Amino acid sequence: MRKQYCLAILLLGANLLFGAKKVISPNTSGSNEQVDMDATLIMSPEEVTQQLGADPGPGIVLLRMKLTPKTDTPVQVSPDDFILLAHDDGERSKPFTPNEIAGQGALVESAKTAAQKKTSLSAGLGGMMGMGGGGGGLSPGSSPAVTVNSKMDEKSKGNQKLLDTLKAKAFPTTETAKPVEGFLYFPLDGKHKLKNLAVLYRGPAGKLDLEFVH
């Protein structure tokens, strides 16, 4: 009887211990005269899979974005309005589309410095990085910007179930005067401290820099 009691205490302690390891995803928000934004960054592979109900593969982080227009005038919104910035190495990436992750032909990522290869993304950001309110620019002497490039692997046949899931939960491309919400699927190479990550909005409703802090 005593052995059973001790075993029950040990099991209870283990449950409490594992329960204490629950991941809390960081949240940030921002606003201007036209929109309010609320963003939650989901980086743990386990939590990414839990949120989607499917594994999108390595190197994918989720950004749950809620955008609320502040006027009665409809706002055009799109995943292409957002950029994930890592201040520490200058990596900037646009979100992947569901087809790029799970469609026919899988994404193969590669990273090259801006000095090696210029892209429309890095060129377009050159004149905008100092304009946002959250310090999205890179200071002089910092690491060279890294641009994430990708190519399609034509041998991949895709994953229809994952593709349907990604499409159903994606942040929409639409024109709206009402709140919209959904996931943005960003590539993120390497390990980055939370304080070095930011989401940049560059869209029809203006500019916003959403910084993540501890």
N, C-alpha and C. Protein backbone atom coordinates (compact mmCIF):
# COMPACT_ATOMS: atom_id res chain seq x y z
N MET A 1 0.83 -1.20 0.00
CA MET A 1 0.00 0.00 0.00
C MET A 1 0.87 1.26 0.00
N ARG A 2 1.95 1.18 0.84
CA ARG A 2 2.85 2.33 0.91
C ARG A 2 3.57 2.55 -0.42
N LYS A 3 3.94 1.42 -1.08
CA LYS A 3 4.61 1.54 -2.37
C LYS A 3 3.70 2.20 -3.41
N GLN A 4 2.42 1.85 -3.40
CA GLN A 4 1.47 2.45 -4.33
C GLN A 4 1.31 3.94 -4.07
N TYR A 5 1.32 4.32 -2.81
CA TYR A 5 1.20 5.74 -2.45
C TYR A 5 2.40 6.53 -2.95
N CYS A 6 3.60 5.95 -2.73
CA CYS A 6 4.82 6.62 -3.19
C CYS A 6 4.83 6.76 -4.71
N LEU A 7 4.37 5.72 -5.41
CA LEU A 7 4.33 5.77 -6.87
C LEU A 7 3.38 6.85 -7.35
N ALA A 8 2.24 7.00 -6.68
CA ALA A 8 1.28 8.04 -7.06
C ALA A 8 1.87 9.43 -6.88
N ILE A 9 2.65 9.62 -5.79
CA ILE A 9 3.29 10.91 -5.55
C ILE A 9 4.31 11.22 -6.63
N LEU A 10 5.09 10.20 -7.03
CA LEU A 10 6.09 10.39 -8.08
C LEU A 10 5.45 10.75 -9.41
N LEU A 11 4.36 10.09 -9.76
CA LEU A 11 3.66 10.38 -11.02
C LEU A 11 3.09 11.79 -11.01
N LEU A 12 2.54 12.20 -9.85
CA LEU A 12 2.00 13.55 -9.75
C LEU A 12 3.10 14.58 -9.92
N GLY A 13 4.27 14.33 -9.31
CA GLY A 13 5.38 15.25 -9.44
C GLY A 13 5.87 15.35 -10.88
N ALA A 14 5.89 14.22 -11.58
CA ALA A 14 6.32 14.22 -12.98
C ALA A 14 5.36 15.01 -13.84
N ASN A 15 4.08 14.87 -13.60
CA ASN A 15 3.08 15.62 -14.37
C ASN A 15 3.23 17.11 -14.16
N LEU A 16 3.48 17.50 -12.90
CA LEU A 16 3.66 18.92 -12.61
C LEU A 16 4.92 19.45 -13.27
N LEU A 17 5.97 18.62 -13.26
CA LEU A 17 7.23 19.04 -13.88
C LEU A 17 7.09 19.27 -15.36
N PHE A 18 6.48 18.31 -16.07
CA PHE A 18 6.31 18.44 -17.51
C PHE A 18 5.33 19.56 -17.84
N GLY A 19 4.34 19.74 -16.98
CA GLY A 19 3.37 20.81 -17.23
C GLY A 19 4.01 22.18 -17.13
N ALA A 20 5.08 22.29 -16.32
CA ALA A 20 5.74 23.59 -16.14
C ALA A 20 6.54 23.99 -17.38
N LYS A 21 6.74 23.06 -18.33
CA LYS A 21 7.54 23.35 -19.52
C LYS A 21 6.70 23.85 -20.69
N LYS A 22 5.47 24.23 -20.43
CA LYS A 22 4.60 24.70 -21.49
C LYS A 22 5.20 25.92 -22.19
N VAL A 23 5.22 25.89 -23.51
CA VAL A 23 5.80 26.98 -24.29
C VAL A 23 4.83 28.14 -24.39
N ILE A 24 5.31 29.34 -24.10
CA ILE A 24 4.50 30.54 -24.26
C ILE A 24 5.06 31.34 -25.42
N SER A 25 4.29 31.47 -26.49
CA SER A 25 4.75 32.16 -27.68
C SER A 25 4.73 33.67 -27.47
N PRO A 26 5.79 34.37 -27.88
CA PRO A 26 5.86 35.81 -27.68
C PRO A 26 4.85 36.56 -28.54
N ASN A 27 4.36 37.66 -27.99
CA ASN A 27 3.35 38.47 -28.66
C ASN A 27 3.82 39.91 -28.75
N THR A 28 3.44 40.58 -29.83
CA THR A 28 3.73 42.00 -29.98
C THR A 28 2.58 42.65 -30.74
N SER A 29 2.51 43.95 -30.66
CA SER A 29 1.42 44.67 -31.33
C SER A 29 1.88 46.06 -31.73
N GLY A 30 1.12 46.68 -32.61
CA GLY A 30 1.41 48.03 -33.07
C GLY A 30 0.23 48.61 -33.80
N SER A 31 0.26 49.90 -34.04
CA SER A 31 -0.86 50.55 -34.73
C SER A 31 -0.41 51.85 -35.37
N ASN A 32 -1.15 52.26 -36.39
CA ASN A 32 -1.00 53.59 -36.96
C ASN A 32 -2.41 54.16 -37.15
N GLU A 33 -2.56 55.15 -37.98
CA GLU A 33 -3.87 55.78 -38.13
C GLU A 33 -4.87 54.90 -38.86
N GLN A 34 -4.40 53.88 -39.57
CA GLN A 34 -5.30 53.07 -40.39
C GLN A 34 -5.59 51.68 -39.85
N VAL A 35 -4.60 51.08 -39.15
CA VAL A 35 -4.77 49.68 -38.73
C VAL A 35 -4.18 49.43 -37.35
N ASP A 36 -4.74 48.44 -36.66
CA ASP A 36 -4.13 47.83 -35.48
C ASP A 36 -3.62 46.45 -35.87
N MET A 37 -2.46 46.06 -35.32
CA MET A 37 -1.91 44.74 -35.61
C MET A 37 -1.51 44.05 -34.32
N ASP A 38 -1.79 42.76 -34.26
CA ASP A 38 -1.40 41.94 -33.13
C ASP A 38 -0.75 40.68 -33.70
N ALA A 39 0.48 40.38 -33.26
CA ALA A 39 1.23 39.27 -33.85
C ALA A 39 1.78 38.35 -32.76
N THR A 40 1.69 37.05 -33.00
CA THR A 40 2.25 36.04 -32.11
C THR A 40 3.22 35.17 -32.91
N LEU A 41 4.45 35.06 -32.43
CA LEU A 41 5.48 34.30 -33.13
C LEU A 41 5.59 32.91 -32.53
N ILE A 42 5.47 31.89 -33.36
CA ILE A 42 5.52 30.50 -32.93
C ILE A 42 6.74 29.85 -33.57
N MET A 43 7.76 29.56 -32.74
CA MET A 43 9.05 29.12 -33.26
C MET A 43 9.36 27.66 -32.98
N SER A 44 8.85 27.11 -31.90
CA SER A 44 9.13 25.72 -31.54
C SER A 44 8.54 24.78 -32.58
N PRO A 45 9.33 23.85 -33.14
CA PRO A 45 8.79 22.90 -34.13
C PRO A 45 7.59 22.13 -33.60
N GLU A 46 7.63 21.79 -32.31
CA GLU A 46 6.52 21.04 -31.73
C GLU A 46 5.25 21.89 -31.70
N GLU A 47 5.39 23.16 -31.34
CA GLU A 47 4.21 24.02 -31.28
C GLU A 47 3.71 24.37 -32.67
N VAL A 48 4.64 24.51 -33.63
CA VAL A 48 4.24 24.76 -35.02
C VAL A 48 3.35 23.62 -35.50
N THR A 49 3.80 22.39 -35.25
CA THR A 49 3.03 21.22 -35.65
C THR A 49 1.69 21.16 -34.93
N GLN A 50 1.69 21.52 -33.64
CA GLN A 50 0.45 21.50 -32.86
C GLN A 50 -0.55 22.52 -33.39
N GLN A 51 -0.08 23.71 -33.71
CA GLN A 51 -0.96 24.77 -34.18
C GLN A 51 -1.58 24.43 -35.54
N LEU A 52 -0.79 23.80 -36.39
CA LEU A 52 -1.28 23.48 -37.74
C LEU A 52 -2.01 22.15 -37.80
N GLY A 53 -1.67 21.26 -36.87
CA GLY A 53 -2.20 19.91 -36.96
C GLY A 53 -1.45 19.08 -37.98
N ALA A 54 -0.31 19.57 -38.42
CA ALA A 54 0.54 18.90 -39.40
C ALA A 54 1.93 19.50 -39.34
N ASP A 55 2.93 18.73 -39.75
CA ASP A 55 4.31 19.19 -39.73
C ASP A 55 4.67 19.80 -41.08
N PRO A 56 4.97 21.12 -41.13
CA PRO A 56 5.30 21.75 -42.41
C PRO A 56 6.74 21.50 -42.85
N GLY A 57 7.54 20.87 -41.98
CA GLY A 57 8.93 20.63 -42.32
C GLY A 57 9.86 21.55 -41.55
N PRO A 58 11.16 21.30 -41.60
CA PRO A 58 12.13 22.10 -40.84
C PRO A 58 12.28 23.52 -41.38
N GLY A 59 12.67 24.42 -40.47
CA GLY A 59 12.99 25.79 -40.87
C GLY A 59 11.80 26.69 -41.09
N ILE A 60 10.60 26.27 -40.65
CA ILE A 60 9.40 27.09 -40.82
C ILE A 60 8.92 27.56 -39.45
N VAL A 61 8.72 28.87 -39.30
CA VAL A 61 8.09 29.42 -38.10
C VAL A 61 6.76 30.05 -38.49
N LEU A 62 5.86 30.11 -37.53
CA LEU A 62 4.53 30.67 -37.78
C LEU A 62 4.42 32.05 -37.16
N LEU A 63 3.75 32.93 -37.85
CA LEU A 63 3.36 34.21 -37.28
C LEU A 63 1.84 34.31 -37.39
N ARG A 64 1.19 34.30 -36.23
CA ARG A 64 -0.26 34.49 -36.23
C ARG A 64 -0.53 35.99 -36.22
N MET A 65 -1.07 36.48 -37.31
CA MET A 65 -1.28 37.91 -37.47
C MET A 65 -2.77 38.25 -37.46
N LYS A 66 -3.14 39.22 -36.64
CA LYS A 66 -4.50 39.76 -36.66
C LYS A 66 -4.41 41.23 -37.03
N LEU A 67 -5.09 41.62 -38.08
CA LEU A 67 -5.09 43.00 -38.56
C LEU A 67 -6.51 43.55 -38.48
N THR A 68 -6.64 44.70 -37.83
CA THR A 68 -7.96 45.32 -37.64
C THR A 68 -7.96 46.72 -38.24
N PRO A 69 -8.71 46.96 -39.31
CA PRO A 69 -8.83 48.32 -39.85
C PRO A 69 -9.48 49.26 -38.84
N LYS A 70 -9.03 50.51 -38.80
CA LYS A 70 -9.54 51.48 -37.83
C LYS A 70 -10.53 52.46 -38.43
N THR A 71 -10.77 52.35 -39.73
CA THR A 71 -11.73 53.23 -40.40
C THR A 71 -12.73 52.38 -41.16
N ASP A 72 -13.73 53.03 -41.73
CA ASP A 72 -14.73 52.31 -42.52
C ASP A 72 -14.27 52.05 -43.95
N THR A 73 -13.11 52.60 -44.31
CA THR A 73 -12.59 52.41 -45.66
C THR A 73 -11.88 51.06 -45.75
N PRO A 74 -12.25 50.19 -46.69
CA PRO A 74 -11.60 48.88 -46.81
C PRO A 74 -10.10 49.02 -47.09
N VAL A 75 -9.34 48.10 -46.53
CA VAL A 75 -7.89 48.06 -46.69
C VAL A 75 -7.51 46.80 -47.45
N GLN A 76 -6.63 46.93 -48.43
CA GLN A 76 -6.12 45.77 -49.15
C GLN A 76 -5.01 45.14 -48.32
N VAL A 77 -5.13 43.83 -48.01
CA VAL A 77 -4.12 43.15 -47.21
C VAL A 77 -3.63 41.91 -47.95
N SER A 78 -2.40 41.51 -47.64
CA SER A 78 -1.79 40.36 -48.30
C SER A 78 -0.61 39.87 -47.48
N PRO A 79 -0.29 38.59 -47.51
CA PRO A 79 0.93 38.11 -46.85
C PRO A 79 2.19 38.81 -47.35
N ASP A 80 2.19 39.27 -48.59
CA ASP A 80 3.35 39.93 -49.14
C ASP A 80 3.64 41.28 -48.50
N ASP A 81 2.71 41.77 -47.66
CA ASP A 81 2.92 43.04 -46.96
C ASP A 81 3.88 42.89 -45.78
N PHE A 82 4.26 41.66 -45.43
CA PHE A 82 5.02 41.43 -44.20
C PHE A 82 6.40 40.84 -44.49
N ILE A 83 7.35 41.21 -43.63
CA ILE A 83 8.73 40.75 -43.72
C ILE A 83 9.19 40.38 -42.32
N LEU A 84 9.86 39.24 -42.19
CA LEU A 84 10.48 38.86 -40.92
C LEU A 84 11.94 39.27 -40.95
N LEU A 85 12.34 40.08 -39.99
CA LEU A 85 13.70 40.62 -39.94
C LEU A 85 14.43 40.10 -38.72
N ALA A 86 15.66 39.62 -38.91
CA ALA A 86 16.56 39.27 -37.81
C ALA A 86 17.64 40.35 -37.75
N HIS A 87 17.60 41.18 -36.71
CA HIS A 87 18.55 42.29 -36.62
C HIS A 87 20.00 41.82 -36.52
N ASP A 88 20.22 40.64 -35.90
CA ASP A 88 21.59 40.24 -35.63
C ASP A 88 22.38 39.90 -36.89
N ASP A 89 21.76 39.26 -37.88
CA ASP A 89 22.50 38.95 -39.10
C ASP A 89 21.90 39.59 -40.35
N GLY A 90 20.85 40.36 -40.18
CA GLY A 90 20.26 41.06 -41.32
C GLY A 90 19.37 40.21 -42.19
N GLU A 91 19.10 38.96 -41.77
CA GLU A 91 18.25 38.09 -42.59
C GLU A 91 16.84 38.66 -42.67
N ARG A 92 16.35 38.81 -43.88
CA ARG A 92 14.98 39.29 -44.11
C ARG A 92 14.29 38.29 -45.02
N SER A 93 13.09 37.92 -44.69
CA SER A 93 12.40 36.95 -45.52
C SER A 93 10.93 37.27 -45.65
N LYS A 94 10.42 37.03 -46.83
CA LYS A 94 9.00 37.10 -47.09
C LYS A 94 8.36 35.76 -46.73
N PRO A 95 7.08 35.75 -46.39
CA PRO A 95 6.45 34.47 -46.07
C PRO A 95 6.32 33.57 -47.29
N PHE A 96 6.43 32.26 -47.04
CA PHE A 96 6.18 31.29 -48.09
C PHE A 96 4.68 31.18 -48.34
N THR A 97 4.31 30.85 -49.55
CA THR A 97 2.92 30.51 -49.85
C THR A 97 2.71 29.04 -49.51
N PRO A 98 1.47 28.61 -49.27
CA PRO A 98 1.22 27.18 -49.04
C PRO A 98 1.76 26.29 -50.15
N ASN A 99 1.65 26.73 -51.40
CA ASN A 99 2.14 25.93 -52.52
C ASN A 99 3.66 25.77 -52.48
N GLU A 100 4.37 26.79 -52.00
CA GLU A 100 5.82 26.70 -51.93
C GLU A 100 6.27 25.69 -50.87
N ILE A 101 5.44 25.49 -49.85
CA ILE A 101 5.79 24.55 -48.78
C ILE A 101 5.34 23.13 -49.11
N ALA A 102 4.13 22.99 -49.63
CA ALA A 102 3.54 21.65 -49.76
C ALA A 102 3.01 21.33 -51.15
N GLY A 103 3.18 22.23 -52.11
CA GLY A 103 2.69 21.97 -53.45
C GLY A 103 3.64 21.07 -54.23
N GLN A 104 3.38 20.90 -55.49
CA GLN A 104 4.25 20.08 -56.34
C GLN A 104 5.57 20.81 -56.54
N GLY A 105 6.63 20.22 -56.06
CA GLY A 105 7.92 20.89 -56.06
C GLY A 105 8.14 21.51 -54.70
N ALA A 106 9.09 20.98 -53.92
CA ALA A 106 9.34 21.47 -52.56
C ALA A 106 10.39 22.56 -52.59
N LEU A 107 10.30 23.46 -51.63
CA LEU A 107 11.28 24.54 -51.55
C LEU A 107 12.62 24.03 -51.05
N VAL A 108 13.67 24.46 -51.71
CA VAL A 108 15.02 24.22 -51.24
C VAL A 108 15.62 25.58 -50.96
N GLU A 109 15.90 25.87 -49.68
CA GLU A 109 16.36 27.20 -49.29
C GLU A 109 17.87 27.34 -49.44
N SER A 110 18.29 28.55 -49.75
CA SER A 110 19.71 28.88 -49.72
C SER A 110 19.84 30.31 -49.27
N ALA A 111 20.93 30.63 -48.57
CA ALA A 111 21.14 31.98 -48.08
C ALA A 111 22.43 32.54 -48.66
N LYS A 112 22.36 33.75 -49.21
CA LYS A 112 23.55 34.41 -49.73
C LYS A 112 23.54 35.85 -49.22
N THR A 113 24.72 36.39 -48.99
CA THR A 113 24.78 37.76 -48.52
C THR A 113 24.37 38.70 -49.63
N ALA A 114 23.94 39.90 -49.23
CA ALA A 114 23.50 40.88 -50.22
C ALA A 114 24.65 41.28 -51.13
N ALA A 115 25.88 41.16 -50.63
CA ALA A 115 27.03 41.50 -51.46
C ALA A 115 27.21 40.47 -52.57
N GLN A 116 26.76 39.24 -52.33
CA GLN A 116 26.90 38.19 -53.33
C GLN A 116 25.75 38.22 -54.33
N LYS A 117 24.57 38.51 -53.84
CA LYS A 117 23.41 38.46 -54.73
C LYS A 117 22.37 39.47 -54.28
N LYS A 118 22.04 40.43 -55.12
CA LYS A 118 21.01 41.40 -54.80
C LYS A 118 19.65 40.87 -55.25
N THR A 119 18.63 41.14 -54.45
CA THR A 119 17.27 40.74 -54.81
C THR A 119 16.37 41.94 -54.73
N SER A 120 15.17 41.81 -55.30
CA SER A 120 14.22 42.90 -55.26
C SER A 120 13.82 43.22 -53.84
N LEU A 121 13.82 42.22 -52.95
CA LEU A 121 13.46 42.45 -51.57
C LEU A 121 14.47 43.33 -50.87
N SER A 122 15.77 42.99 -50.98
CA SER A 122 16.79 43.78 -50.29
C SER A 122 16.89 45.17 -50.89
N ALA A 123 16.70 45.28 -52.20
CA ALA A 123 16.76 46.59 -52.84
C ALA A 123 15.60 47.45 -52.40
N GLY A 124 14.41 46.86 -52.31
CA GLY A 124 13.23 47.61 -51.91
C GLY A 124 13.29 48.07 -50.48
N LEU A 125 13.96 47.28 -49.62
CA LEU A 125 14.05 47.64 -48.22
C LEU A 125 15.10 48.72 -47.97
N GLY A 126 16.02 48.90 -48.91
CA GLY A 126 17.12 49.82 -48.69
C GLY A 126 16.67 51.20 -48.31
N GLY A 127 15.60 51.69 -48.92
CA GLY A 127 15.14 53.03 -48.64
C GLY A 127 14.07 53.10 -47.58
N MET A 128 13.69 51.94 -47.02
CA MET A 128 12.57 51.95 -46.09
C MET A 128 12.95 51.59 -44.68
N MET A 129 14.11 50.99 -44.45
CA MET A 129 14.42 50.43 -43.16
C MET A 129 14.43 51.47 -42.04
N GLY A 130 14.75 52.71 -42.37
CA GLY A 130 14.79 53.72 -41.33
C GLY A 130 13.49 54.45 -41.15
N MET A 131 12.45 54.09 -41.87
CA MET A 131 11.20 54.86 -41.84
C MET A 131 10.21 54.37 -40.81
N GLY A 132 10.33 53.09 -40.36
CA GLY A 132 9.34 52.54 -39.44
C GLY A 132 9.58 53.04 -38.03
N GLY A 133 8.63 52.74 -37.15
CA GLY A 133 8.71 53.24 -35.80
C GLY A 133 9.44 52.33 -34.86
N GLY A 134 9.86 51.12 -35.28
CA GLY A 134 10.41 50.18 -34.32
C GLY A 134 11.87 49.86 -34.52
N GLY A 135 12.63 50.71 -35.23
CA GLY A 135 14.05 50.45 -35.39
C GLY A 135 14.36 49.31 -36.31
N GLY A 136 13.67 49.23 -37.46
CA GLY A 136 13.88 48.11 -38.36
C GLY A 136 15.16 48.18 -39.15
N GLY A 137 15.90 49.33 -39.10
CA GLY A 137 17.09 49.47 -39.91
C GLY A 137 18.29 48.77 -39.31
N LEU A 138 19.33 48.62 -40.11
CA LEU A 138 20.57 48.03 -39.66
C LEU A 138 21.57 49.15 -39.41
N SER A 139 22.26 49.08 -38.28
CA SER A 139 23.21 50.11 -37.94
C SER A 139 24.50 49.94 -38.73
N PRO A 140 25.27 51.06 -38.93
CA PRO A 140 26.53 50.96 -39.64
C PRO A 140 27.46 49.98 -38.94
N GLY A 141 28.16 49.16 -39.73
CA GLY A 141 29.09 48.21 -39.16
C GLY A 141 28.49 46.89 -38.76
N SER A 142 27.19 46.76 -38.92
CA SER A 142 26.54 45.50 -38.56
C SER A 142 26.78 44.47 -39.64
N SER A 143 26.37 43.23 -39.38
CA SER A 143 26.60 42.14 -40.32
C SER A 143 25.88 42.40 -41.63
N PRO A 144 26.45 41.94 -42.75
CA PRO A 144 25.79 42.16 -44.04
C PRO A 144 24.45 41.46 -44.09
N ALA A 145 23.53 42.05 -44.82
CA ALA A 145 22.18 41.50 -44.91
C ALA A 145 22.20 40.14 -45.58
N VAL A 146 21.36 39.26 -45.09
CA VAL A 146 21.22 37.93 -45.69
C VAL A 146 19.85 37.82 -46.30
N THR A 147 19.80 37.44 -47.54
CA THR A 147 18.54 37.29 -48.24
C THR A 147 18.26 35.81 -48.46
N VAL A 148 17.06 35.37 -48.10
CA VAL A 148 16.70 33.98 -48.28
C VAL A 148 16.15 33.77 -49.67
N ASN A 149 16.81 32.91 -50.43
CA ASN A 149 16.37 32.56 -51.77
C ASN A 149 15.83 31.14 -51.76
N SER A 150 15.13 30.76 -52.78
CA SER A 150 14.60 29.40 -52.83
C SER A 150 14.45 28.96 -54.27
N LYS A 151 14.46 27.65 -54.46
CA LYS A 151 14.19 27.09 -55.77
C LYS A 151 13.33 25.85 -55.60
N MET A 152 12.68 25.45 -56.65
CA MET A 152 11.75 24.34 -56.57
C MET A 152 12.44 23.02 -56.92
N ASP A 153 12.14 22.00 -56.13
CA ASP A 153 12.60 20.65 -56.42
C ASP A 153 11.50 19.94 -57.19
N GLU A 154 11.68 19.80 -58.48
CA GLU A 154 10.62 19.26 -59.33
C GLU A 154 10.33 17.79 -59.07
N LYS A 155 11.20 17.10 -58.32
CA LYS A 155 10.97 15.70 -58.02
C LYS A 155 9.91 15.50 -56.94
N SER A 156 9.63 16.57 -56.20
CA SER A 156 8.66 16.45 -55.12
C SER A 156 7.24 16.46 -55.66
N LYS A 157 6.42 15.54 -55.17
CA LYS A 157 5.03 15.44 -55.63
C LYS A 157 4.07 16.23 -54.75
N GLY A 158 4.59 16.81 -53.66
CA GLY A 158 3.75 17.61 -52.81
C GLY A 158 2.99 16.78 -51.78
N ASN A 159 2.30 17.49 -50.91
CA ASN A 159 1.53 16.87 -49.84
C ASN A 159 0.17 17.56 -49.81
N GLN A 160 -0.84 16.94 -50.40
CA GLN A 160 -2.13 17.58 -50.57
C GLN A 160 -2.81 17.88 -49.24
N LYS A 161 -2.69 16.97 -48.28
CA LYS A 161 -3.32 17.19 -46.97
C LYS A 161 -2.71 18.40 -46.28
N LEU A 162 -1.36 18.48 -46.28
CA LEU A 162 -0.68 19.62 -45.68
C LEU A 162 -1.02 20.90 -46.44
N LEU A 163 -1.06 20.83 -47.76
CA LEU A 163 -1.38 21.99 -48.58
C LEU A 163 -2.77 22.54 -48.24
N ASP A 164 -3.75 21.67 -48.09
CA ASP A 164 -5.10 22.10 -47.74
C ASP A 164 -5.13 22.77 -46.36
N THR A 165 -4.36 22.21 -45.42
CA THR A 165 -4.30 22.78 -44.08
C THR A 165 -3.67 24.17 -44.09
N LEU A 166 -2.57 24.30 -44.81
CA LEU A 166 -1.88 25.59 -44.89
C LEU A 166 -2.75 26.65 -45.54
N LYS A 167 -3.47 26.28 -46.58
CA LYS A 167 -4.35 27.23 -47.26
C LYS A 167 -5.49 27.67 -46.34
N ALA A 168 -6.05 26.72 -45.60
CA ALA A 168 -7.20 27.02 -44.74
C ALA A 168 -6.82 27.96 -43.59
N LYS A 169 -5.57 27.89 -43.13
CA LYS A 169 -5.16 28.66 -41.96
C LYS A 169 -4.30 29.88 -42.30
N ALA A 170 -4.09 30.13 -43.58
CA ALA A 170 -3.20 31.22 -44.00
C ALA A 170 -3.86 32.58 -43.84
N PHE A 171 -3.02 33.59 -43.58
CA PHE A 171 -3.48 34.98 -43.60
C PHE A 171 -3.95 35.28 -45.02
N PRO A 172 -5.13 35.90 -45.17
CA PRO A 172 -5.72 36.01 -46.51
C PRO A 172 -5.18 37.19 -47.33
N THR A 173 -5.37 37.09 -48.62
CA THR A 173 -5.22 38.22 -49.53
C THR A 173 -6.62 38.71 -49.84
N THR A 174 -6.95 39.91 -49.38
CA THR A 174 -8.32 40.38 -49.51
C THR A 174 -8.39 41.89 -49.30
N GLU A 175 -9.55 42.44 -49.52
CA GLU A 175 -9.84 43.84 -49.21
C GLU A 175 -10.94 43.85 -48.16
N THR A 176 -10.69 44.48 -47.04
CA THR A 176 -11.61 44.36 -45.93
C THR A 176 -11.65 45.59 -45.04
N ALA A 177 -12.80 45.83 -44.43
CA ALA A 177 -12.95 46.84 -43.40
C ALA A 177 -13.16 46.18 -42.03
N LYS A 178 -13.09 44.83 -42.02
CA LYS A 178 -13.28 44.08 -40.79
C LYS A 178 -11.98 43.38 -40.41
N PRO A 179 -11.84 42.97 -39.15
CA PRO A 179 -10.62 42.27 -38.72
C PRO A 179 -10.39 40.99 -39.53
N VAL A 180 -9.14 40.72 -39.85
CA VAL A 180 -8.76 39.47 -40.51
C VAL A 180 -7.61 38.85 -39.72
N GLU A 181 -7.53 37.53 -39.77
CA GLU A 181 -6.52 36.82 -38.98
C GLU A 181 -6.10 35.56 -39.71
N GLY A 182 -4.85 35.18 -39.52
CA GLY A 182 -4.36 33.95 -40.13
C GLY A 182 -2.86 33.81 -39.91
N PHE A 183 -2.30 32.70 -40.38
CA PHE A 183 -0.88 32.42 -40.21
C PHE A 183 -0.07 32.90 -41.40
N LEU A 184 1.12 33.40 -41.11
CA LEU A 184 2.15 33.66 -42.11
C LEU A 184 3.25 32.63 -41.89
N TYR A 185 3.74 32.03 -42.99
CA TYR A 185 4.70 30.93 -42.90
C TYR A 185 6.09 31.44 -43.32
N PHE A 186 6.93 31.72 -42.32
CA PHE A 186 8.23 32.32 -42.60
C PHE A 186 9.36 31.29 -42.50
N PRO A 187 10.36 31.40 -43.39
CA PRO A 187 11.61 30.65 -43.18
C PRO A 187 12.47 31.39 -42.18
N LEU A 188 13.18 30.66 -41.32
CA LEU A 188 14.10 31.30 -40.39
C LEU A 188 15.30 30.38 -40.21
N ASP A 189 16.46 30.83 -40.67
CA ASP A 189 17.68 30.04 -40.59
C ASP A 189 18.39 30.28 -39.27
N GLY A 190 18.93 29.23 -38.67
CA GLY A 190 19.75 29.37 -37.49
C GLY A 190 18.97 29.74 -36.24
N LYS A 191 19.73 30.04 -35.20
CA LYS A 191 19.14 30.42 -33.91
C LYS A 191 19.22 31.92 -33.73
N HIS A 192 18.13 32.52 -33.30
CA HIS A 192 18.08 33.96 -33.10
C HIS A 192 17.45 34.27 -31.75
N LYS A 193 18.02 35.23 -31.04
CA LYS A 193 17.40 35.69 -29.81
C LYS A 193 16.14 36.48 -30.14
N LEU A 194 15.16 36.34 -29.27
CA LEU A 194 13.88 36.98 -29.52
C LEU A 194 14.01 38.49 -29.69
N LYS A 195 14.91 39.11 -28.92
CA LYS A 195 15.07 40.56 -28.97
C LYS A 195 15.58 41.03 -30.33
N ASN A 196 16.13 40.10 -31.13
CA ASN A 196 16.67 40.46 -32.44
C ASN A 196 15.68 40.28 -33.57
N LEU A 197 14.46 39.85 -33.27
CA LEU A 197 13.47 39.58 -34.31
C LEU A 197 12.40 40.67 -34.37
N ALA A 198 11.97 40.96 -35.58
CA ALA A 198 10.93 41.96 -35.78
C ALA A 198 10.12 41.60 -37.02
N VAL A 199 8.88 42.03 -37.03
CA VAL A 199 8.03 41.88 -38.20
C VAL A 199 7.78 43.27 -38.77
N LEU A 200 8.09 43.42 -40.03
CA LEU A 200 7.90 44.71 -40.71
C LEU A 200 6.66 44.63 -41.59
N TYR A 201 5.81 45.65 -41.46
CA TYR A 201 4.64 45.77 -42.35
C TYR A 201 4.92 46.90 -43.32
N ARG A 202 4.83 46.60 -44.59
CA ARG A 202 5.02 47.58 -45.66
C ARG A 202 3.89 47.37 -46.66
N GLY A 203 2.74 47.98 -46.41
CA GLY A 203 1.57 47.73 -47.24
C GLY A 203 0.76 48.97 -47.51
N PRO A 204 -0.40 48.82 -48.11
CA PRO A 204 -1.25 49.95 -48.46
C PRO A 204 -1.65 50.81 -47.26
N ALA A 205 -1.64 50.21 -46.05
CA ALA A 205 -2.04 50.97 -44.86
C ALA A 205 -0.86 51.64 -44.17
N GLY A 206 0.27 51.72 -44.85
CA GLY A 206 1.41 52.42 -44.28
C GLY A 206 2.54 51.50 -43.88
N LYS A 207 3.26 51.88 -42.84
CA LYS A 207 4.42 51.14 -42.36
C LYS A 207 4.33 50.94 -40.86
N LEU A 208 4.72 49.74 -40.42
CA LEU A 208 4.80 49.44 -39.00
C LEU A 208 5.97 48.49 -38.75
N ASP A 209 6.69 48.68 -37.66
CA ASP A 209 7.73 47.77 -37.22
C ASP A 209 7.30 47.17 -35.89
N LEU A 210 7.07 45.88 -35.86
CA LEU A 210 6.64 45.20 -34.64
C LEU A 210 7.83 44.43 -34.07
N GLU A 211 8.36 44.90 -32.94
CA GLU A 211 9.54 44.30 -32.33
C GLU A 211 9.12 43.29 -31.26
N PHE A 212 9.88 42.20 -31.16
CA PHE A 212 9.65 41.22 -30.11
C PHE A 212 10.69 41.47 -29.00
N VAL A 213 10.23 41.40 -27.77
CA VAL A 213 11.11 41.62 -26.61
C VAL A 213 10.95 40.45 -25.65
N HIS A 214 11.83 40.37 -24.68
CA HIS A 214 11.77 39.27 -23.69
C HIS A 214 10.50 39.41 -22.85
